Amino acid sequence: MSQRDFAERIGIKQPQLARIESGKQIPKLETLTKLASGSGYTVEIHFVPIKDNSIPLIEPVRIPAELLVETDR
């Protein structure tokens, strides 16, 4: 699949996808969710303590695509 086809599939412009792929742009969470969903994945955020400390571990947060991405489904 071409970059243009994938960008169209997930609802962003091809130049934006090219900037993200090259590392010149950091995607917003919404765009990251579109990228993941278009590839068959979901976004999961893990909170990791900076150093060994007594802060309890936090369970991962999964971001369902339907919360952030408008779809035609």
PDB file of N, CA and C in Angstrom:
ATOM      1  N   MET A   1       0.854  -1.166   0.000  1.00  0.00           N
ATOM      2  CA  MET A   1       0.000   0.000   0.000  1.00  0.00           C
ATOM      3  C   MET A   1       0.906   1.237   0.000  1.00  0.00           C
ATOM      4  N   SER A   2       0.554   2.184  -0.822  1.00  0.00           N
ATOM      5  CA  SER A   2       1.371   3.402  -0.899  1.00  0.00           C
ATOM      6  C   SER A   2       1.095   4.305   0.306  1.00  0.00           C
ATOM      7  N   GLN A   3       2.011   5.201   0.526  1.00  0.00           N
ATOM      8  CA  GLN A   3       1.861   6.179   1.602  1.00  0.00           C
ATOM      9  C   GLN A   3       0.594   7.013   1.372  1.00  0.00           C
ATOM     10  N   ARG A   4       0.350   7.389   0.149  1.00  0.00           N
ATOM     11  CA  ARG A   4      -0.837   8.177  -0.197  1.00  0.00           C
ATOM     12  C   ARG A   4      -2.111   7.387   0.086  1.00  0.00           C
ATOM     13  N   ASP A   5      -2.131   6.101  -0.292  1.00  0.00           N
ATOM     14  CA  ASP A   5      -3.307   5.263  -0.051  1.00  0.00           C
ATOM     15  C   ASP A   5      -3.573   5.105   1.449  1.00  0.00           C
ATOM     16  N   PHE A   6      -2.508   4.875   2.220  1.00  0.00           N
ATOM     17  CA  PHE A   6      -2.677   4.688   3.659  1.00  0.00           C
ATOM     18  C   PHE A   6      -3.150   5.979   4.323  1.00  0.00           C
ATOM     19  N   ALA A   7      -2.569   7.098   3.937  1.00  0.00           N
ATOM     20  CA  ALA A   7      -2.974   8.386   4.496  1.00  0.00           C
ATOM     21  C   ALA A   7      -4.459   8.644   4.200  1.00  0.00           C
ATOM     22  N   GLU A   8      -4.882   8.355   2.992  1.00  0.00           N
ATOM     23  CA  GLU A   8      -6.291   8.542   2.633  1.00  0.00           C
ATOM     24  C   GLU A   8      -7.181   7.604   3.451  1.00  0.00           C
ATOM     25  N   ARG A   9      -6.719   6.388   3.634  1.00  0.00           N
ATOM     26  CA  ARG A   9      -7.481   5.381   4.389  1.00  0.00           C
ATOM     27  C   ARG A   9      -7.739   5.823   5.828  1.00  0.00           C
ATOM     28  N   ILE A  10      -6.745   6.480   6.444  1.00  0.00           N
ATOM     29  CA  ILE A  10      -6.901   6.863   7.851  1.00  0.00           C
ATOM     30  C   ILE A  10      -7.349   8.312   8.031  1.00  0.00           C
ATOM     31  N   GLY A  11      -7.463   9.044   6.935  1.00  0.00           N
ATOM     32  CA  GLY A  11      -8.015  10.388   7.010  1.00  0.00           C
ATOM     33  C   GLY A  11      -7.034  11.500   7.314  1.00  0.00           C
ATOM     34  N   ILE A  12      -5.782  11.331   6.870  1.00  0.00           N
ATOM     35  CA  ILE A  12      -4.816  12.423   6.988  1.00  0.00           C
ATOM     36  C   ILE A  12      -4.217  12.672   5.609  1.00  0.00           C
ATOM     37  N   LYS A  13      -3.473  13.749   5.472  1.00  0.00           N
ATOM     38  CA  LYS A  13      -2.841  14.079   4.192  1.00  0.00           C
ATOM     39  C   LYS A  13      -1.513  13.329   4.065  1.00  0.00           C
ATOM     40  N   GLN A  14      -1.148  12.973   2.848  1.00  0.00           N
ATOM     41  CA  GLN A  14       0.098  12.240   2.594  1.00  0.00           C
ATOM     42  C   GLN A  14       1.329  12.986   3.078  1.00  0.00           C
ATOM     43  N   PRO A  15       1.437  14.317   2.880  1.00  0.00           N
ATOM     44  CA  PRO A  15       2.625  15.006   3.382  1.00  0.00           C
ATOM     45  C   PRO A  15       2.768  14.917   4.917  1.00  0.00           C
ATOM     46  N   GLN A  16       1.625  14.935   5.622  1.00  0.00           N
ATOM     47  CA  GLN A  16       1.673  14.794   7.081  1.00  0.00           C
ATOM     48  C   GLN A  16       2.196  13.414   7.452  1.00  0.00           C
ATOM     49  N   LEU A  17       1.730  12.369   6.778  1.00  0.00           N
ATOM     50  CA  LEU A  17       2.224  11.014   7.039  1.00  0.00           C
ATOM     51  C   LEU A  17       3.722  10.935   6.763  1.00  0.00           C
ATOM     52  N   ALA A  18       4.180  11.558   5.689  1.00  0.00           N
ATOM     53  CA  ALA A  18       5.609  11.553   5.363  1.00  0.00           C
ATOM     54  C   ALA A  18       6.424  12.228   6.467  1.00  0.00           C
ATOM     55  N   ARG A  19       5.928  13.351   7.007  1.00  0.00           N
ATOM     56  CA  ARG A  19       6.645  14.044   8.090  1.00  0.00           C
ATOM     57  C   ARG A  19       6.696  13.182   9.351  1.00  0.00           C
ATOM     58  N   ILE A  20       5.606  12.477   9.648  1.00  0.00           N
ATOM     59  CA  ILE A  20       5.578  11.599  10.827  1.00  0.00           C
ATOM     60  C   ILE A  20       6.566  10.454  10.633  1.00  0.00           C
ATOM     61  N   GLU A  21       6.538   9.823   9.469  1.00  0.00           N
ATOM     62  CA  GLU A  21       7.441   8.698   9.190  1.00  0.00           C
ATOM     63  C   GLU A  21       8.903   9.115   9.239  1.00  0.00           C
ATOM     64  N   SER A  22       9.204  10.325   8.807  1.00  0.00           N
ATOM     65  CA  SER A  22      10.604  10.778   8.785  1.00  0.00           C
ATOM     66  C   SER A  22      11.074  11.303  10.139  1.00  0.00           C
ATOM     67  N   GLY A  23      10.144  11.439  11.098  1.00  0.00           N
ATOM     68  CA  GLY A  23      10.506  11.947  12.422  1.00  0.00           C
ATOM     69  C   GLY A  23      10.512  13.459  12.511  1.00  0.00           C
ATOM     70  N   LYS A  24      10.058  14.138  11.471  1.00  0.00           N
ATOM     71  CA  LYS A  24      10.031  15.600  11.473  1.00  0.00           C
ATOM     72  C   LYS A  24       8.805  16.155  12.189  1.00  0.00           C
ATOM     73  N   GLN A  25       7.822  15.294  12.441  1.00  0.00           N
ATOM     74  CA  GLN A  25       6.606  15.719  13.137  1.00  0.00           C
ATOM     75  C   GLN A  25       6.222  14.643  14.141  1.00  0.00           C
ATOM     76  N   ILE A  26       5.849  15.063  15.337  1.00  0.00           N
ATOM     77  CA  ILE A  26       5.343  14.146  16.349  1.00  0.00           C
ATOM     78  C   ILE A  26       3.824  14.203  16.286  1.00  0.00           C
ATOM     79  N   PRO A  27       3.177  13.051  16.070  1.00  0.00           N
ATOM     80  CA  PRO A  27       1.727  13.082  15.917  1.00  0.00           C
ATOM     81  C   PRO A  27       1.003  13.335  17.241  1.00  0.00           C
ATOM     82  N   LYS A  28      -0.156  14.004  17.142  1.00  0.00           N
ATOM     83  CA  LYS A  28      -1.039  14.151  18.291  1.00  0.00           C
ATOM     84  C   LYS A  28      -1.608  12.776  18.622  1.00  0.00           C
ATOM     85  N   LEU A  29      -2.158  12.628  19.816  1.00  0.00           N
ATOM     86  CA  LEU A  29      -2.736  11.354  20.225  1.00  0.00           C
ATOM     87  C   LEU A  29      -3.822  10.901  19.248  1.00  0.00           C
ATOM     88  N   GLU A  30      -4.635  11.831  18.779  1.00  0.00           N
ATOM     89  CA  GLU A  30      -5.691  11.477  17.828  1.00  0.00           C
ATOM     90  C   GLU A  30      -5.107  10.892  16.549  1.00  0.00           C
ATOM     91  N   THR A  31      -4.049  11.514  16.028  1.00  0.00           N
ATOM     92  CA  THR A  31      -3.407  11.027  14.801  1.00  0.00           C
ATOM     93  C   THR A  31      -2.725   9.695  15.041  1.00  0.00           C
ATOM     94  N   LEU A  32      -2.080   9.554  16.187  1.00  0.00           N
ATOM     95  CA  LEU A  32      -1.433   8.291  16.539  1.00  0.00           C
ATOM     96  C   LEU A  32      -2.466   7.167  16.596  1.00  0.00           C
ATOM     97  N   THR A  33      -3.645   7.472  17.120  1.00  0.00           N
ATOM     98  CA  THR A  33      -4.718   6.486  17.187  1.00  0.00           C
ATOM     99  C   THR A  33      -5.205   6.120  15.791  1.00  0.00           C
ATOM    100  N   LYS A  34      -5.280   7.097  14.890  1.00  0.00           N
ATOM    101  CA  LYS A  34      -5.656   6.810  13.499  1.00  0.00           C
ATOM    102  C   LYS A  34      -4.624   5.891  12.850  1.00  0.00           C
ATOM    103  N   LEU A  35      -3.336   6.189  13.065  1.00  0.00           N
ATOM    104  CA  LEU A  35      -2.267   5.359  12.506  1.00  0.00           C
ATOM    105  C   LEU A  35      -2.366   3.926  13.027  1.00  0.00           C
ATOM    106  N   ALA A  36      -2.562   3.791  14.330  1.00  0.00           N
ATOM    107  CA  ALA A  36      -2.651   2.466  14.941  1.00  0.00           C
ATOM    108  C   ALA A  36      -3.868   1.716  14.420  1.00  0.00           C
ATOM    109  N   SER A  37      -5.018   2.365  14.429  1.00  0.00           N
ATOM    110  CA  SER A  37      -6.260   1.724  13.996  1.00  0.00           C
ATOM    111  C   SER A  37      -6.180   1.293  12.533  1.00  0.00           C
ATOM    112  N   GLY A  38      -5.613   2.137  11.698  1.00  0.00           N
ATOM    113  CA  GLY A  38      -5.467   1.817  10.277  1.00  0.00           C
ATOM    114  C   GLY A  38      -4.531   0.658  10.019  1.00  0.00           C
ATOM    115  N   SER A  39      -3.685   0.349  11.010  1.00  0.00           N
ATOM    116  CA  SER A  39      -2.739  -0.763  10.900  1.00  0.00           C
ATOM    117  C   SER A  39      -3.210  -1.999  11.658  1.00  0.00           C
ATOM    118  N   GLY A  40      -4.417  -1.900  12.251  1.00  0.00           N
ATOM    119  CA  GLY A  40      -4.944  -3.047  12.992  1.00  0.00           C
ATOM    120  C   GLY A  40      -4.508  -3.097  14.447  1.00  0.00           C
ATOM    121  N   TYR A  41      -4.110  -1.963  15.006  1.00  0.00           N
ATOM    122  CA  TYR A  41      -3.652  -1.889  16.395  1.00  0.00           C
ATOM    123  C   TYR A  41      -4.480  -0.880  17.168  1.00  0.00           C
ATOM    124  N   THR A  42      -4.255  -0.829  18.472  1.00  0.00           N
ATOM    125  CA  THR A  42      -4.819   0.197  19.320  1.00  0.00           C
ATOM    126  C   THR A  42      -3.673   0.830  20.093  1.00  0.00           C
ATOM    127  N   VAL A  43      -3.904   1.981  20.673  1.00  0.00           N
ATOM    128  CA  VAL A  43      -2.877   2.676  21.453  1.00  0.00           C
ATOM    129  C   VAL A  43      -3.039   2.294  22.918  1.00  0.00           C
ATOM    130  N   GLU A  44      -1.929   1.972  23.557  1.00  0.00           N
ATOM    131  CA  GLU A  44      -1.930   1.656  24.976  1.00  0.00           C
ATOM    132  C   GLU A  44      -0.821   2.467  25.624  1.00  0.00           C
ATOM    133  N   ILE A  45      -1.166   3.214  26.667  1.00  0.00           N
ATOM    134  CA  ILE A  45      -0.206   4.072  27.341  1.00  0.00           C
ATOM    135  C   ILE A  45       0.193   3.436  28.660  1.00  0.00           C
ATOM    136  N   HIS A  46       1.503   3.337  28.888  1.00  0.00           N
ATOM    137  CA  HIS A  46       2.024   2.790  30.136  1.00  0.00           C
ATOM    138  C   HIS A  46       2.704   3.904  30.921  1.00  0.00           C
ATOM    139  N   PHE A  47       2.368   4.005  32.194  1.00  0.00           N
ATOM    140  CA  PHE A  47       3.024   4.954  33.075  1.00  0.00           C
ATOM    141  C   PHE A  47       4.131   4.197  33.808  1.00  0.00           C
ATOM    142  N   VAL A  48       5.358   4.687  33.688  1.00  0.00           N
ATOM    143  CA  VAL A  48       6.520   4.019  34.256  1.00  0.00           C
ATOM    144  C   VAL A  48       7.182   4.957  35.255  1.00  0.00           C
ATOM    145  N   PRO A  49       7.426   4.482  36.494  1.00  0.00           N
ATOM    146  CA  PRO A  49       8.089   5.351  37.476  1.00  0.00           C
ATOM    147  C   PRO A  49       9.459   5.794  36.969  1.00  0.00           C
ATOM    148  N   ILE A  50       9.832   7.034  37.275  1.00  0.00           N
ATOM    149  CA  ILE A  50      11.112   7.572  36.848  1.00  0.00           C
ATOM    150  C   ILE A  50      12.261   6.853  37.552  1.00  0.00           C
ATOM    151  N   LYS A  51      12.124   6.636  38.831  1.00  0.00           N
ATOM    152  CA  LYS A  51      13.153   5.937  39.616  1.00  0.00           C
ATOM    153  C   LYS A  51      12.463   4.946  40.538  1.00  0.00           C
ATOM    154  N   ASP A  52      13.258   4.082  41.113  1.00  0.00           N
ATOM    155  CA  ASP A  52      12.692   3.165  42.103  1.00  0.00           C
ATOM    156  C   ASP A  52      12.167   3.991  43.264  1.00  0.00           C
ATOM    157  N   ASN A  53      10.875   3.904  43.478  1.00  0.00           N
ATOM    158  CA  ASN A  53      10.280   4.625  44.592  1.00  0.00           C
ATOM    159  C   ASN A  53       9.049   3.878  45.070  1.00  0.00           C
ATOM    160  N   SER A  54       8.368   4.444  46.008  1.00  0.00           N
ATOM    161  CA  SER A  54       7.226   3.759  46.604  1.00  0.00           C
ATOM    162  C   SER A  54       5.900   4.074  45.913  1.00  0.00           C
ATOM    163  N   ILE A  55       5.958   4.720  44.751  1.00  0.00           N
ATOM    164  CA  ILE A  55       4.730   5.021  44.029  1.00  0.00           C
ATOM    165  C   ILE A  55       4.174   3.714  43.460  1.00  0.00           C
ATOM    166  N   PRO A  56       2.892   3.443  43.691  1.00  0.00           N
ATOM    167  CA  PRO A  56       2.318   2.193  43.163  1.00  0.00           C
ATOM    168  C   PRO A  56       2.270   2.215  41.633  1.00  0.00           C
ATOM    169  N   LEU A  57       2.365   1.044  41.050  1.00  0.00           N
ATOM    170  CA  LEU A  57       2.293   0.930  39.599  1.00  0.00           C
ATOM    171  C   LEU A  57       0.883   1.233  39.130  1.00  0.00           C
ATOM    172  N   ILE A  58       0.777   1.829  37.967  1.00  0.00           N
ATOM    173  CA  ILE A  58      -0.508   2.162  37.369  1.00  0.00           C
ATOM    174  C   ILE A  58      -0.733   1.212  36.196  1.00  0.00           C
ATOM    175  N   GLU A  59      -1.921   0.672  36.126  1.00  0.00           N
ATOM    176  CA  GLU A  59      -2.246  -0.227  35.016  1.00  0.00           C
ATOM    177  C   GLU A  59      -2.215   0.545  33.693  1.00  0.00           C
ATOM    178  N   PRO A  60      -1.876  -0.139  32.596  1.00  0.00           N
ATOM    179  CA  PRO A  60      -1.869   0.529  31.295  1.00  0.00           C
ATOM    180  C   PRO A  60      -3.244   1.084  30.951  1.00  0.00           C
ATOM    181  N   VAL A  61      -3.251   2.166  30.190  1.00  0.00           N
ATOM    182  CA  VAL A  61      -4.486   2.785  29.730  1.00  0.00           C
ATOM    183  C   VAL A  61      -4.608   2.518  28.241  1.00  0.00           C
ATOM    184  N   ARG A  62      -5.659   1.850  27.842  1.00  0.00           N
ATOM    185  CA  ARG A  62      -5.882   1.562  26.427  1.00  0.00           C
ATOM    186  C   ARG A  62      -6.852   2.596  25.874  1.00  0.00           C
ATOM    187  N   ILE A  63      -6.485   3.203  24.761  1.00  0.00           N
ATOM    188  CA  ILE A  63      -7.298   4.240  24.139  1.00  0.00           C
ATOM    189  C   ILE A  63      -8.054   3.625  22.965  1.00  0.00           C
ATOM    190  N   PRO A  64      -9.341   3.344  23.129  1.00  0.00           N
ATOM    191  CA  PRO A  64     -10.101   2.790  22.001  1.00  0.00           C
ATOM    192  C   PRO A  64     -10.191   3.808  20.863  1.00  0.00           C
ATOM    193  N   ALA A  65      -9.987   3.342  19.663  1.00  0.00           N
ATOM    194  CA  ALA A  65      -9.989   4.224  18.495  1.00  0.00           C
ATOM    195  C   ALA A  65     -11.294   4.987  18.371  1.00  0.00           C
ATOM    196  N   GLU A  66     -12.403   4.357  18.706  1.00  0.00           N
ATOM    197  CA  GLU A  66     -13.692   5.024  18.517  1.00  0.00           C
ATOM    198  C   GLU A  66     -13.869   6.234  19.430  1.00  0.00           C
ATOM    199  N   LEU A  67     -13.062   6.354  20.470  1.00  0.00           N
ATOM    200  CA  LEU A  67     -13.135   7.529  21.335  1.00  0.00           C
ATOM    201  C   LEU A  67     -12.461   8.745  20.717  1.00  0.00           C
ATOM    202  N   LEU A  68     -11.490   8.518  19.849  1.00  0.00           N
ATOM    203  CA  LEU A  68     -10.709   9.612  19.298  1.00  0.00           C
ATOM    204  C   LEU A  68     -10.883   9.813  17.807  1.00  0.00           C
ATOM    205  N   VAL A  69     -11.346   8.802  17.106  1.00  0.00           N
ATOM    206  CA  VAL A  69     -11.382   8.866  15.659  1.00  0.00           C
ATOM    207  C   VAL A  69     -12.821   8.749  15.184  1.00  0.00           C
ATOM    208  N   GLU A  70     -13.238   9.710  14.377  1.00  0.00           N
ATOM    209  CA  GLU A  70     -14.556   9.601  13.753  1.00  0.00           C
ATOM    210  C   GLU A  70     -14.449   8.608  12.615  1.00  0.00           C
ATOM    211  N   THR A  71     -15.356   7.655  12.596  1.00  0.00           N
ATOM    212  CA  THR A  71     -15.329   6.639  11.533  1.00  0.00           C
ATOM    213  C   THR A  71     -16.641   6.642  10.785  1.00  0.00           C
ATOM    214  N   ASP A  72     -16.635   6.013   9.637  1.00  0.00           N
ATOM    215  CA  ASP A  72     -17.834   5.895   8.818  1.00  0.00           C
ATOM    216  C   ASP A  72     -18.506   4.541   9.040  1.00  0.00           C
ATOM    217  N   ARG A  73     -18.122   3.851  10.097  1.00  0.00           N
ATOM    218  CA  ARG A  73     -18.666   2.505  10.342  1.00  0.00           C
ATOM    219  C   ARG A  73     -20.059   2.568  10.867  1.00  0.00           C
TER     220      ARG A  73
END
